[in-house]
Amino acid sequence: MNEFYCYSTTLMHFLKANGLRYKYKTRHKRTGKLMWVFERTSELSALLDEYDERKAQAKAQGRIS
């Protein structure tokens, strides 16, 4: 089983807004922080690439640091 562990609330919302649903959410055993687990698919990979591209553009435009 190939899973993607998402520790970013912003990324989780982006993935959900684009039609993906996480398999489950849990807390990281060592840090105690909330994380969401998604199944690794080609759709997930494409959305992760899009998210990274949008984030890089926002940084280049000074909208985020």
N, C-alpha and C. Protein backbone atom coordinates (compact mmCIF):
# COMPACT_ATOMS: atom_id res chain seq x y z
N MET A 1 0.86 -1.18 0.00
CA MET A 1 0.00 0.00 0.00
C MET A 1 0.90 1.23 0.00
N ASN A 2 0.69 2.09 -0.97
CA ASN A 2 1.50 3.29 -1.11
C ASN A 2 0.70 4.49 -0.66
N GLU A 3 1.16 5.13 0.40
CA GLU A 3 0.40 6.23 0.98
C GLU A 3 1.22 7.52 0.98
N PHE A 4 0.52 8.64 0.95
CA PHE A 4 1.12 9.96 1.04
C PHE A 4 0.66 10.57 2.35
N TYR A 5 1.62 10.98 3.18
CA TYR A 5 1.32 11.57 4.47
C TYR A 5 1.37 13.09 4.34
N CYS A 6 0.25 13.72 4.58
CA CYS A 6 0.12 15.17 4.42
C CYS A 6 0.08 15.82 5.80
N TYR A 7 1.04 16.72 6.04
CA TYR A 7 1.13 17.41 7.33
C TYR A 7 0.67 18.86 7.23
N SER A 8 0.24 19.30 6.05
CA SER A 8 -0.14 20.68 5.80
C SER A 8 -1.66 20.81 5.68
N THR A 9 -2.24 21.63 6.54
CA THR A 9 -3.68 21.86 6.45
C THR A 9 -4.04 22.51 5.12
N THR A 10 -3.19 23.43 4.68
CA THR A 10 -3.44 24.12 3.40
C THR A 10 -3.43 23.13 2.24
N LEU A 11 -2.44 22.24 2.21
CA LEU A 11 -2.36 21.24 1.15
C LEU A 11 -3.54 20.29 1.23
N MET A 12 -3.92 19.87 2.41
CA MET A 12 -5.07 18.97 2.56
C MET A 12 -6.32 19.61 1.98
N HIS A 13 -6.55 20.90 2.27
CA HIS A 13 -7.73 21.60 1.74
C HIS A 13 -7.66 21.71 0.21
N PHE A 14 -6.47 21.96 -0.33
CA PHE A 14 -6.29 22.02 -1.78
C PHE A 14 -6.65 20.68 -2.42
N LEU A 15 -6.16 19.60 -1.85
CA LEU A 15 -6.44 18.28 -2.40
C LEU A 15 -7.93 17.96 -2.32
N LYS A 16 -8.55 18.28 -1.20
CA LYS A 16 -9.99 18.03 -1.05
C LYS A 16 -10.80 18.88 -2.03
N ALA A 17 -10.39 20.13 -2.21
CA ALA A 17 -11.10 21.02 -3.14
C ALA A 17 -11.01 20.53 -4.57
N ASN A 18 -9.99 19.72 -4.85
CA ASN A 18 -9.80 19.17 -6.19
C ASN A 18 -10.28 17.73 -6.30
N GLY A 19 -11.13 17.32 -5.38
CA GLY A 19 -11.82 16.04 -5.50
C GLY A 19 -11.21 14.84 -4.82
N LEU A 20 -10.06 15.01 -4.17
CA LEU A 20 -9.47 13.87 -3.46
C LEU A 20 -10.01 13.81 -2.04
N ARG A 21 -10.10 12.63 -1.53
CA ARG A 21 -10.51 12.44 -0.14
C ARG A 21 -9.42 11.64 0.56
N TYR A 22 -9.11 12.03 1.77
CA TYR A 22 -8.10 11.29 2.50
C TYR A 22 -8.69 9.99 3.01
N LYS A 23 -7.80 9.01 3.21
CA LYS A 23 -8.23 7.70 3.71
C LYS A 23 -8.56 7.78 5.19
N TYR A 24 -7.72 8.49 5.92
CA TYR A 24 -7.96 8.70 7.35
C TYR A 24 -7.05 9.82 7.83
N LYS A 25 -7.38 10.34 9.00
CA LYS A 25 -6.50 11.31 9.63
C LYS A 25 -6.11 10.76 10.99
N THR A 26 -4.94 11.16 11.42
CA THR A 26 -4.40 10.64 12.66
C THR A 26 -3.40 11.65 13.21
N ARG A 27 -2.81 11.33 14.32
CA ARG A 27 -1.76 12.17 14.88
C ARG A 27 -0.42 11.45 14.72
N HIS A 28 0.59 12.21 14.36
CA HIS A 28 1.93 11.67 14.21
C HIS A 28 2.39 11.14 15.57
N LYS A 29 2.92 9.95 15.59
CA LYS A 29 3.26 9.29 16.86
C LYS A 29 4.30 10.06 17.67
N ARG A 30 5.28 10.66 16.99
CA ARG A 30 6.36 11.35 17.71
C ARG A 30 6.02 12.80 18.02
N THR A 31 5.44 13.52 17.03
CA THR A 31 5.20 14.96 17.22
C THR A 31 3.82 15.28 17.77
N GLY A 32 2.87 14.36 17.57
CA GLY A 32 1.50 14.61 18.03
C GLY A 32 0.71 15.52 17.10
N LYS A 33 1.32 15.94 15.98
CA LYS A 33 0.63 16.83 15.05
C LYS A 33 -0.32 16.04 14.17
N LEU A 34 -1.41 16.69 13.79
CA LEU A 34 -2.42 16.07 12.94
C LEU A 34 -1.86 15.85 11.54
N MET A 35 -2.21 14.72 10.93
CA MET A 35 -1.81 14.45 9.55
C MET A 35 -2.92 13.69 8.85
N TRP A 36 -2.94 13.83 7.53
CA TRP A 36 -3.94 13.19 6.70
C TRP A 36 -3.24 12.23 5.77
N VAL A 37 -3.83 11.08 5.56
CA VAL A 37 -3.21 10.04 4.73
C VAL A 37 -4.04 9.86 3.47
N PHE A 38 -3.38 10.07 2.33
CA PHE A 38 -4.01 9.91 1.02
C PHE A 38 -3.41 8.72 0.31
N GLU A 39 -4.19 8.09 -0.55
CA GLU A 39 -3.65 7.02 -1.39
C GLU A 39 -2.84 7.66 -2.50
N ARG A 40 -1.64 7.12 -2.75
CA ARG A 40 -0.79 7.65 -3.82
C ARG A 40 -1.32 7.19 -5.17
N THR A 41 -1.74 8.15 -5.98
CA THR A 41 -2.25 7.87 -7.33
C THR A 41 -1.62 8.87 -8.30
N SER A 42 -1.84 8.64 -9.59
CA SER A 42 -1.34 9.61 -10.58
C SER A 42 -2.07 10.94 -10.43
N GLU A 43 -3.34 10.91 -10.04
CA GLU A 43 -4.10 12.14 -9.82
C GLU A 43 -3.49 12.94 -8.66
N LEU A 44 -3.15 12.25 -7.59
CA LEU A 44 -2.50 12.92 -6.46
C LEU A 44 -1.18 13.54 -6.90
N SER A 45 -0.36 12.80 -7.64
CA SER A 45 0.92 13.32 -8.11
C SER A 45 0.74 14.58 -8.94
N ALA A 46 -0.24 14.58 -9.83
CA ALA A 46 -0.49 15.75 -10.67
C ALA A 46 -0.92 16.95 -9.82
N LEU A 47 -1.75 16.70 -8.82
CA LEU A 47 -2.19 17.79 -7.94
C LEU A 47 -1.05 18.31 -7.08
N LEU A 48 -0.16 17.45 -6.63
CA LEU A 48 1.00 17.89 -5.87
C LEU A 48 1.91 18.77 -6.73
N ASP A 49 2.09 18.39 -7.99
CA ASP A 49 2.88 19.22 -8.91
C ASP A 49 2.23 20.59 -9.09
N GLU A 50 0.90 20.60 -9.28
CA GLU A 50 0.17 21.86 -9.45
C GLU A 50 0.30 22.73 -8.19
N TYR A 51 0.16 22.12 -7.04
CA TYR A 51 0.27 22.86 -5.77
C TYR A 51 1.66 23.49 -5.64
N ASP A 52 2.69 22.71 -5.94
CA ASP A 52 4.06 23.23 -5.86
C ASP A 52 4.28 24.39 -6.83
N GLU A 53 3.74 24.26 -8.04
CA GLU A 53 3.87 25.32 -9.04
C GLU A 53 3.16 26.60 -8.59
N ARG A 54 1.94 26.45 -8.07
CA ARG A 54 1.19 27.62 -7.59
C ARG A 54 1.90 28.27 -6.41
N LYS A 55 2.46 27.46 -5.53
CA LYS A 55 3.17 28.00 -4.37
C LYS A 55 4.42 28.77 -4.81
N ALA A 56 5.15 28.22 -5.78
CA ALA A 56 6.34 28.89 -6.29
C ALA A 56 5.97 30.21 -6.96
N GLN A 57 4.88 30.24 -7.71
CA GLN A 57 4.43 31.48 -8.35
C GLN A 57 4.05 32.52 -7.31
N ALA A 58 3.35 32.10 -6.28
CA ALA A 58 2.93 33.02 -5.22
C ALA A 58 4.15 33.61 -4.50
N LYS A 59 5.19 32.79 -4.28
CA LYS A 59 6.41 33.27 -3.66
C LYS A 59 7.12 34.27 -4.56
N ALA A 60 7.19 33.95 -5.86
CA ALA A 60 7.86 34.83 -6.83
C ALA A 60 7.16 36.18 -6.93
N GLN A 61 5.85 36.17 -6.75
CA GLN A 61 5.06 37.40 -6.83
C GLN A 61 4.98 38.13 -5.49
N GLY A 62 5.59 37.55 -4.47
CA GLY A 62 5.62 38.18 -3.16
C GLY A 62 4.32 38.07 -2.38
N ARG A 63 3.44 37.17 -2.81
CA ARG A 63 2.17 37.01 -2.09
C ARG A 63 2.31 36.18 -0.84
N ILE A 64 3.33 35.32 -0.81
CA ILE A 64 3.65 34.55 0.39
C ILE A 64 5.16 34.56 0.57
N SER A 65 5.59 34.26 1.78
CA SER A 65 7.04 34.27 2.01
C SER A 65 7.55 32.87 2.28
